[in-house]
Amino acid sequence: PPQNSPLPPHPPLPPPRNHTRREIDPSTRPPRRFQKTPPPPGGQPPRPAPLTRADFHQAFMPLGARNTPGHTEAVLRGHLARGERPFQRSEAAMGLAWYERVRRGHQVRVPCVDLGPALVLLLPAEAYVEFQIFAQECRPESFVFTLGYGECGPGYIPIERAWEEKDSNLNGWTWVPPGSEAVMRTAIRAVLTPRSESAP
């Protein structure tokens, strides 16, 4: 359009809608998937403290490979060869990579930086939140800052209750077998156990 020409008028805005707030019956709400982290000891937030130590510990964890109906190495190889969707093939490839690592005796590292009043714990893959709660219970006198995705090979690492409840997350992206919760708890407890001042 030529310069200094008037702009076309803006179309009128639609009239505002009358939104009606809908009350939700609490009894019809689905159960909560995640739990809140329990409050720190005494119910008080952690206080600043001088840094007097910085120790590094790690545990090694032999997570196995899943072998349940519909989730075996043979099934994954079939998805890889004949999968109809690209994601189905890529997910099968990641699962097969984990099977191969387990076959070679691979063990997952669980590292922890111990600062005394606070600890930084790195868990592997997509570990369920109950492992974070358990980690804090292992060191109630300290603040445990728990991270995930330290290693993504295993996929979801569920608690045993998830298998019993047939958690939909276990329909895929989970390549560890039932019983992995006990292995995870053992590694977390080992890496968070306080060392004596004379320990190396």
Protein backbone atom coordinates (compact mmCIF):
# COMPACT_ATOMS: atom_id res chain seq x y z
CA PRO A 1 0.00 0.00 0.00
CA PRO A 2 1.17 3.61 -0.53
CA GLN A 3 2.91 5.38 2.31
CA ASN A 4 0.81 7.28 4.87
CA SER A 5 -2.28 5.32 3.86
CA PRO A 6 -4.67 4.66 6.75
CA LEU A 7 -4.58 1.23 8.29
CA PRO A 8 -7.68 -0.92 7.88
CA PRO A 9 -9.94 -0.92 10.91
CA HIS A 10 -9.39 -3.71 13.43
CA PRO A 11 -12.23 -6.21 13.46
CA PRO A 12 -14.41 -5.92 16.54
CA LEU A 13 -13.60 -8.22 19.43
CA PRO A 14 -16.10 -10.96 20.20
CA PRO A 15 -18.26 -10.41 23.27
CA PRO A 16 -16.86 -11.93 26.47
CA ARG A 17 -18.08 -15.36 27.40
CA ASN A 18 -19.79 -16.09 30.66
CA HIS A 19 -17.56 -18.70 32.26
CA THR A 20 -19.21 -20.82 34.88
CA ARG A 21 -16.91 -22.34 37.46
CA ARG A 22 -17.54 -26.02 37.79
CA GLU A 23 -17.11 -27.60 41.19
CA ILE A 24 -15.35 -30.98 41.17
CA ASP A 25 -16.47 -33.74 43.44
CA PRO A 26 -13.32 -34.86 45.37
CA SER A 27 -14.57 -38.45 45.37
CA THR A 28 -14.37 -38.57 41.56
CA ARG A 29 -10.82 -37.30 41.30
CA PRO A 30 -8.23 -39.87 40.20
CA PRO A 31 -5.66 -40.91 42.83
CA ARG A 32 -2.50 -38.83 42.97
CA ARG A 33 0.33 -40.30 40.98
CA PHE A 34 3.12 -38.71 42.97
CA GLN A 35 3.70 -38.07 46.63
CA LYS A 36 5.04 -34.91 48.19
CA THR A 37 8.48 -35.04 49.70
CA PRO A 38 8.15 -35.19 53.49
CA PRO A 39 9.17 -32.05 55.42
CA PRO A 40 12.73 -31.88 56.75
CA PRO A 41 13.46 -33.01 60.32
CA GLY A 42 11.68 -30.79 62.81
CA GLY A 43 9.58 -29.27 60.03
CA GLN A 44 12.11 -26.45 59.55
CA PRO A 45 13.82 -25.55 56.26
CA PRO A 46 17.55 -26.30 56.08
CA ARG A 47 19.77 -23.55 57.50
CA PRO A 48 23.00 -22.27 55.96
CA ALA A 49 26.05 -24.10 57.31
CA PRO A 50 29.78 -23.68 56.63
CA LEU A 51 31.29 -26.10 54.12
CA THR A 52 33.90 -28.13 55.99
CA ARG A 53 34.02 -31.28 53.86
CA ALA A 54 33.29 -32.55 50.39
CA ASP A 55 33.42 -36.32 49.96
CA PHE A 56 32.54 -38.41 46.93
CA HIS A 57 31.03 -41.88 47.15
CA GLN A 58 29.47 -44.19 44.62
CA ALA A 59 27.75 -47.55 44.54
CA PHE A 60 27.50 -49.99 41.64
CA MET A 61 24.15 -51.54 40.90
CA PRO A 62 23.53 -54.68 38.76
CA LEU A 63 20.11 -53.93 37.31
CA GLY A 64 18.86 -56.78 35.13
CA ALA A 65 16.88 -56.95 31.89
CA ARG A 66 13.12 -57.29 31.74
CA ASN A 67 11.67 -60.63 30.67
CA THR A 68 7.90 -60.38 31.11
CA PRO A 69 5.12 -61.29 28.64
CA GLY A 70 5.21 -58.85 25.75
CA HIS A 71 8.54 -57.41 26.87
CA THR A 72 11.33 -59.79 25.92
CA GLU A 73 14.37 -59.49 23.70
CA ALA A 74 12.58 -61.47 20.97
CA VAL A 75 9.58 -59.13 21.08
CA LEU A 76 11.82 -56.06 20.86
CA ARG A 77 13.67 -57.50 17.88
CA GLY A 78 10.33 -58.05 16.19
CA HIS A 79 9.35 -54.42 16.81
CA LEU A 80 12.68 -53.27 15.44
CA ALA A 81 12.28 -55.28 12.25
CA ARG A 82 8.55 -54.87 11.63
CA GLY A 83 7.43 -51.92 13.72
CA GLU A 84 4.72 -49.84 12.06
CA ARG A 85 5.66 -46.58 13.79
CA PRO A 86 9.13 -44.96 13.94
CA PHE A 87 8.82 -44.51 17.71
CA GLN A 88 8.07 -48.20 18.16
CA ARG A 89 11.27 -49.08 16.32
CA SER A 90 13.39 -46.51 18.15
CA GLU A 91 12.04 -47.62 21.53
CA ALA A 92 12.84 -51.23 20.65
CA ALA A 93 16.39 -50.23 19.68
CA MET A 94 16.93 -48.51 23.03
CA GLY A 95 15.57 -51.53 24.87
CA LEU A 96 17.83 -53.89 22.94
CA ALA A 97 20.82 -51.66 23.75
CA TRP A 98 20.03 -52.13 27.45
CA TYR A 99 19.71 -55.91 27.02
CA GLU A 100 23.17 -55.96 25.43
CA ARG A 101 24.70 -53.93 28.25
CA VAL A 102 23.21 -56.26 30.85
CA ARG A 103 24.57 -59.23 28.92
CA ARG A 104 28.07 -57.72 29.15
CA GLY A 105 27.75 -57.40 32.94
CA HIS A 106 27.19 -53.64 33.00
CA GLN A 107 26.52 -52.11 36.42
CA VAL A 108 24.91 -48.72 36.93
CA ARG A 109 26.74 -46.14 39.04
CA VAL A 110 24.95 -44.28 41.80
CA PRO A 111 27.20 -41.33 42.77
CA CYS A 112 26.82 -39.02 45.75
CA VAL A 113 28.60 -35.86 46.87
CA ASP A 114 28.55 -35.72 50.66
CA LEU A 115 28.85 -32.19 52.07
CA GLY A 116 27.86 -33.17 55.60
CA PRO A 117 24.68 -31.15 56.26
CA ALA A 118 23.66 -31.67 52.63
CA LEU A 119 24.16 -34.40 50.05
CA VAL A 120 23.70 -34.50 46.28
CA LEU A 121 22.53 -37.91 45.06
CA LEU A 122 22.27 -38.82 41.37
CA LEU A 123 19.87 -41.66 40.55
CA PRO A 124 19.78 -43.40 37.18
CA ALA A 125 17.12 -43.09 34.52
CA GLU A 126 13.52 -42.20 35.40
CA ALA A 127 13.43 -43.48 38.96
CA TYR A 128 10.11 -43.28 40.78
CA VAL A 129 9.74 -40.53 43.37
CA GLU A 130 9.55 -43.08 46.19
CA PHE A 131 13.31 -43.56 45.81
CA GLN A 132 13.84 -39.86 46.55
CA ILE A 133 11.72 -40.18 49.69
CA PHE A 134 13.69 -43.27 50.73
CA ALA A 135 16.98 -41.43 50.20
CA GLN A 136 15.92 -38.67 52.58
CA GLU A 137 14.88 -41.28 55.14
CA CYS A 138 18.40 -42.75 54.97
CA ARG A 139 19.92 -39.44 56.14
CA PRO A 140 17.24 -37.73 58.25
CA GLU A 141 19.80 -35.42 59.87
CA SER A 142 20.89 -34.01 56.49
CA PHE A 143 19.25 -32.49 53.43
CA VAL A 144 19.41 -34.94 50.50
CA PHE A 145 19.12 -33.27 47.10
CA THR A 146 18.16 -36.07 44.70
CA LEU A 147 18.51 -35.85 40.94
CA GLY A 148 17.45 -38.24 38.19
CA TYR A 149 18.52 -39.16 34.66
CA GLY A 150 22.06 -40.08 35.73
CA GLU A 151 21.92 -42.82 33.11
CA CYS A 152 18.92 -43.30 30.86
CA GLY A 153 19.56 -46.88 29.69
CA PRO A 154 17.13 -48.63 32.05
CA GLY A 155 14.10 -46.45 31.23
CA TYR A 156 11.61 -46.26 34.08
CA ILE A 157 12.76 -47.83 37.35
CA PRO A 158 9.53 -48.58 39.20
CA ILE A 159 8.76 -49.67 42.71
CA GLU A 160 7.20 -53.10 43.22
CA ARG A 161 3.77 -51.63 43.88
CA ALA A 162 3.72 -50.25 40.33
CA TRP A 163 3.97 -53.78 38.93
CA GLU A 164 1.13 -54.94 41.17
CA GLU A 165 -1.04 -51.96 40.18
CA LYS A 166 -0.26 -52.45 36.47
CA ASP A 167 1.04 -48.90 36.14
CA SER A 168 0.57 -47.75 32.54
CA ASN A 169 4.16 -46.43 32.50
CA LEU A 170 5.27 -50.05 32.42
CA ASN A 171 3.65 -50.66 29.04
CA GLY A 172 6.86 -49.42 27.46
CA TRP A 173 10.09 -47.60 28.19
CA THR A 174 10.78 -49.96 31.08
CA TRP A 175 13.58 -52.45 30.51
CA VAL A 176 14.38 -53.49 34.07
CA PRO A 177 12.65 -56.51 35.65
CA PRO A 178 10.43 -56.75 38.71
CA GLY A 179 12.58 -56.80 41.83
CA SER A 180 14.61 -53.73 40.84
CA GLU A 181 13.30 -51.74 43.79
CA ALA A 182 15.30 -53.84 46.26
CA VAL A 183 18.47 -53.37 44.17
CA MET A 184 17.94 -49.62 44.06
CA ARG A 185 17.31 -49.36 47.79
CA THR A 186 20.45 -51.35 48.57
CA ALA A 187 22.58 -49.04 46.41
CA ILE A 188 21.01 -45.86 47.80
CA ARG A 189 21.48 -47.02 51.38
CA ALA A 190 25.09 -48.00 50.71
CA VAL A 191 26.08 -44.68 49.13
CA LEU A 192 24.30 -42.60 51.79
CA THR A 193 25.63 -44.48 54.82
CA PRO A 194 27.68 -41.97 56.86
CA ARG A 195 31.41 -42.62 56.85
CA SER A 196 33.49 -42.12 59.97
CA GLU A 197 35.98 -39.28 59.96
CA SER A 198 38.83 -41.80 59.78
CA ALA A 199 37.36 -43.73 56.85
CA PRO A 200 39.21 -43.27 53.53
